[in-house]
C-alpha atoms as a PDB file:
ATOM      1  CA  MET A   1      54.913  92.961  23.926  1.00  0.00           C
ATOM      2  CA  VAL A   2      53.635  95.466  26.457  1.00  0.00           C
ATOM      3  CA  ASP A   3      54.257  99.135  25.871  1.00  0.00           C
ATOM      4  CA  GLN A   4      56.182 100.852  28.709  1.00  0.00           C
ATOM      5  CA  SER A   5      53.666 103.665  28.848  1.00  0.00           C
ATOM      6  CA  GLU A   6      50.927 101.203  29.817  1.00  0.00           C
ATOM      7  CA  ILE A   7      52.742  99.909  32.984  1.00  0.00           C
ATOM      8  CA  SER A   8      51.679 101.674  36.137  1.00  0.00           C
ATOM      9  CA  ALA A   9      54.604 103.206  38.017  1.00  0.00           C
ATOM     10  CA  SER A  10      52.837 103.195  41.361  1.00  0.00           C
ATOM     11  CA  LEU A  11      52.339  99.534  42.154  1.00  0.00           C
ATOM     12  CA  PRO A  12      51.105  98.863  45.670  1.00  0.00           C
ATOM     13  CA  GLU A  13      53.892  97.859  48.068  1.00  0.00           C
ATOM     14  CA  PRO A  14      53.544  94.305  49.426  1.00  0.00           C
ATOM     15  CA  ALA A  15      52.818  94.098  53.156  1.00  0.00           C
ATOM     16  CA  ASN A  16      55.906  91.998  53.885  1.00  0.00           C
ATOM     17  CA  LEU A  17      58.171  94.479  52.112  1.00  0.00           C
ATOM     18  CA  ARG A  18      56.605  97.425  53.965  1.00  0.00           C
ATOM     19  CA  PHE A  19      57.092  95.608  57.319  1.00  0.00           C
ATOM     20  CA  LEU A  20      60.714  94.821  56.448  1.00  0.00           C
ATOM     21  CA  ARG A  21      61.423  98.436  55.452  1.00  0.00           C
ATOM     22  CA  ARG A  22      59.973  99.763  58.724  1.00  0.00           C
ATOM     23  CA  LEU A  23      61.849  97.131  60.741  1.00  0.00           C
ATOM     24  CA  VAL A  24      65.185  98.036  59.154  1.00  0.00           C
ATOM     25  CA  THR A  25      64.558 101.755  59.669  1.00  0.00           C
ATOM     26  CA  THR A  26      63.611 101.237  63.330  1.00  0.00           C
ATOM     27  CA  LEU A  27      66.591  98.997  64.020  1.00  0.00           C
ATOM     28  CA  THR A  28      68.946 101.495  62.359  1.00  0.00           C
ATOM     29  CA  ALA A  29      67.604 104.318  64.518  1.00  0.00           C
ATOM     30  CA  ILE A  30      67.931 102.213  67.686  1.00  0.00           C
ATOM     31  CA  MET A  31      71.488 101.238  66.775  1.00  0.00           C
ATOM     32  CA  ILE A  32      72.464 104.881  66.207  1.00  0.00           C
ATOM     33  CA  LEU A  33      70.939 105.880  69.560  1.00  0.00           C
ATOM     34  CA  GLY A  34      72.766 103.002  71.254  1.00  0.00           C
ATOM     35  CA  LEU A  35      76.111 104.078  69.801  1.00  0.00           C
ATOM     36  CA  ILE A  36      75.511 107.656  70.916  1.00  0.00           C
ATOM     37  CA  ALA A  37      74.695 106.401  74.430  1.00  0.00           C
ATOM     38  CA  ILE A  38      77.852 104.254  74.549  1.00  0.00           C
ATOM     39  CA  PHE A  39      80.035 107.158  73.417  1.00  0.00           C
ATOM     40  CA  ALA A  40      78.407 109.471  75.960  1.00  0.00           C
ATOM     41  CA  VAL A  41      79.031 107.016  78.801  1.00  0.00           C
ATOM     42  CA  LEU A  42      82.646 106.548  77.705  1.00  0.00           C
ATOM     43  CA  VAL A  43      83.251 110.288  77.549  1.00  0.00           C
ATOM     44  CA  ILE A  44      81.707 110.819  80.983  1.00  0.00           C
ATOM     45  CA  LYS A  45      83.639 107.945  82.584  1.00  0.00           C
ATOM     46  CA  LEU A  46      86.977 108.868  81.021  1.00  0.00           C
ATOM     47  CA  GLN A  47      86.716 112.523  82.066  1.00  0.00           C
ATOM     48  CA  THR A  48      86.193 111.873  85.758  1.00  0.00           C
ATOM     49  CA  THR A  49      89.463 111.539  87.593  1.00  0.00           C
ATOM     50  CA  THR A  50      89.405 110.348  91.146  1.00  0.00           C
ATOM     51  CA  ALA A  51      92.566 110.383  93.184  1.00  0.00           C
ATOM     52  CA  ILE A  52      93.565 106.969  94.438  1.00  0.00           C
ATOM     53  CA  PHE A  53      95.954 108.560  96.911  1.00  0.00           C
ATOM     54  CA  PRO A  54      94.965 111.746  98.716  1.00  0.00           C
ATOM     55  CA  GLU A  55      97.341 114.611  99.371  1.00  0.00           C
ATOM     56  CA  ILE A  56      99.584 113.390 102.187  1.00  0.00           C
ATOM     57  CA  THR A  57     100.234 116.147 104.725  1.00  0.00           C
ATOM     58  CA  ALA A  58     101.064 114.119 107.853  1.00  0.00           C
ATOM     59  CA  LEU A  59     104.616 113.132 106.894  1.00  0.00           C
ATOM     60  CA  PRO A  60     107.600 115.056 108.210  1.00  0.00           C
ATOM     61  CA  ALA A  61     109.166 117.463 105.732  1.00  0.00           C
ATOM     62  CA  SER A  62     112.417 115.483 105.682  1.00  0.00           C
ATOM     63  CA  ALA A  63     110.745 112.211 104.663  1.00  0.00           C
ATOM     64  CA  GLU A  64     111.689 111.007 101.182  1.00  0.00           C
ATOM     65  CA  VAL A  65     108.947 108.625 100.101  1.00  0.00           C
ATOM     66  CA  LEU A  66     110.111 105.333  98.652  1.00  0.00           C
ATOM     67  CA  SER A  67     106.822 103.441  98.463  1.00  0.00           C
ATOM     68  CA  ILE A  68     103.112 104.109  98.938  1.00  0.00           C
ATOM     69  CA  SER A  69     100.436 101.471  99.382  1.00  0.00           C
ATOM     70  CA  ARG A  70      96.754 101.734 100.166  1.00  0.00           C
ATOM     71  CA  THR A  71      94.394  99.413 101.975  1.00  0.00           C
ATOM     72  CA  THR A  72      90.687  99.952 102.495  1.00  0.00           C
ATOM     73  CA  THR A  73      91.286 101.721 105.808  1.00  0.00           C
ATOM     74  CA  GLU A  74      94.792 103.219 105.711  1.00  0.00           C
ATOM     75  CA  LEU A  75      97.799 104.385 103.728  1.00  0.00           C
ATOM     76  CA  ILE A  76     101.170 102.705 104.220  1.00  0.00           C
ATOM     77  CA  ILE A  77     104.257 104.727 103.340  1.00  0.00           C
ATOM     78  CA  ILE A  78     107.895 103.663 103.475  1.00  0.00           C
ATOM     79  CA  ASP A  79     110.579 106.325 103.275  1.00  0.00           C
ATOM     80  CA  GLN A  80     114.295 106.210 102.427  1.00  0.00           C
ATOM     81  CA  THR A  81     115.320 105.844 106.088  1.00  0.00           C
ATOM     82  CA  ARG A  82     113.377 102.543 106.272  1.00  0.00           C
ATOM     83  CA  THR A  83     110.622 104.043 108.387  1.00  0.00           C
ATOM     84  CA  ILE A  84     107.090 102.778 107.870  1.00  0.00           C
ATOM     85  CA  TYR A  85     104.286 105.270 108.381  1.00  0.00           C
ATOM     86  CA  ILE A  86     100.705 104.078 108.659  1.00  0.00           C
ATOM     87  CA  LEU A  87      98.404 107.007 107.960  1.00  0.00           C
ATOM     88  CA  SER A  88      94.678 107.523 108.028  1.00  0.00           C
ATOM     89  CA  LEU A  89      92.968 107.201 104.691  1.00  0.00           C
ATOM     90  CA  ASP A  90      92.735 110.971 104.277  1.00  0.00           C
ATOM     91  CA  GLY A  91      96.542 111.295 104.650  1.00  0.00           C
ATOM     92  CA  LYS A  92      96.365 113.821 107.483  1.00  0.00           C
ATOM     93  CA  THR A  93      97.011 111.711 110.591  1.00  0.00           C
ATOM     94  CA  ILE A  94      99.852 109.327 111.425  1.00  0.00           C
ATOM     95  CA  VAL A  95      98.261 106.290 113.054  1.00  0.00           C
ATOM     96  CA  GLN A  96     101.473 104.368 113.632  1.00  0.00           C
ATOM     97  CA  LYS A  97     105.194 104.790 112.921  1.00  0.00           C
ATOM     98  CA  MET A  98     107.698 101.914 112.827  1.00  0.00           C
ATOM     99  CA  LYS A  99     111.413 101.751 112.128  1.00  0.00           C
ATOM    100  CA  LEU A 100     112.760  98.706 110.294  1.00  0.00           C
ATOM    101  CA  ILE A 101     115.887  97.179 111.796  1.00  0.00           C
ATOM    102  CA  ASN A 102     118.626  95.538 109.790  1.00  0.00           C
ATOM    103  CA  ALA A 103     118.408  91.881 110.674  1.00  0.00           C
ATOM    104  CA  HIS A 104     120.588  89.738 108.460  1.00  0.00           C
ATOM    105  CA  VAL A 105     119.618  86.088 108.418  1.00  0.00           C
ATOM    106  CA  LYS A 106     122.517  83.655 107.885  1.00  0.00           C
END
């Protein structure tokens, strides 16, 4: 039997094992950097708030808004008196105003 004191503690590391150790270390570092990048992008995207509807200043003060819709070029607002306002996209100019009539179909 071999005495434990005769076995060398510093055996040379096989080349395949050294390559595998470096590969795992590199991949771990890349994965950590990727997770940090994903979290950073999420934080940046979730903090930015863009208003879908601008502040609407063109409506009369007595208008009680019932519905708001947005197209690519205009805002469409319906109020409680069944009036349809078509506004510019910035909400500052009334482009068109229409009154709905009660037409009952029988």
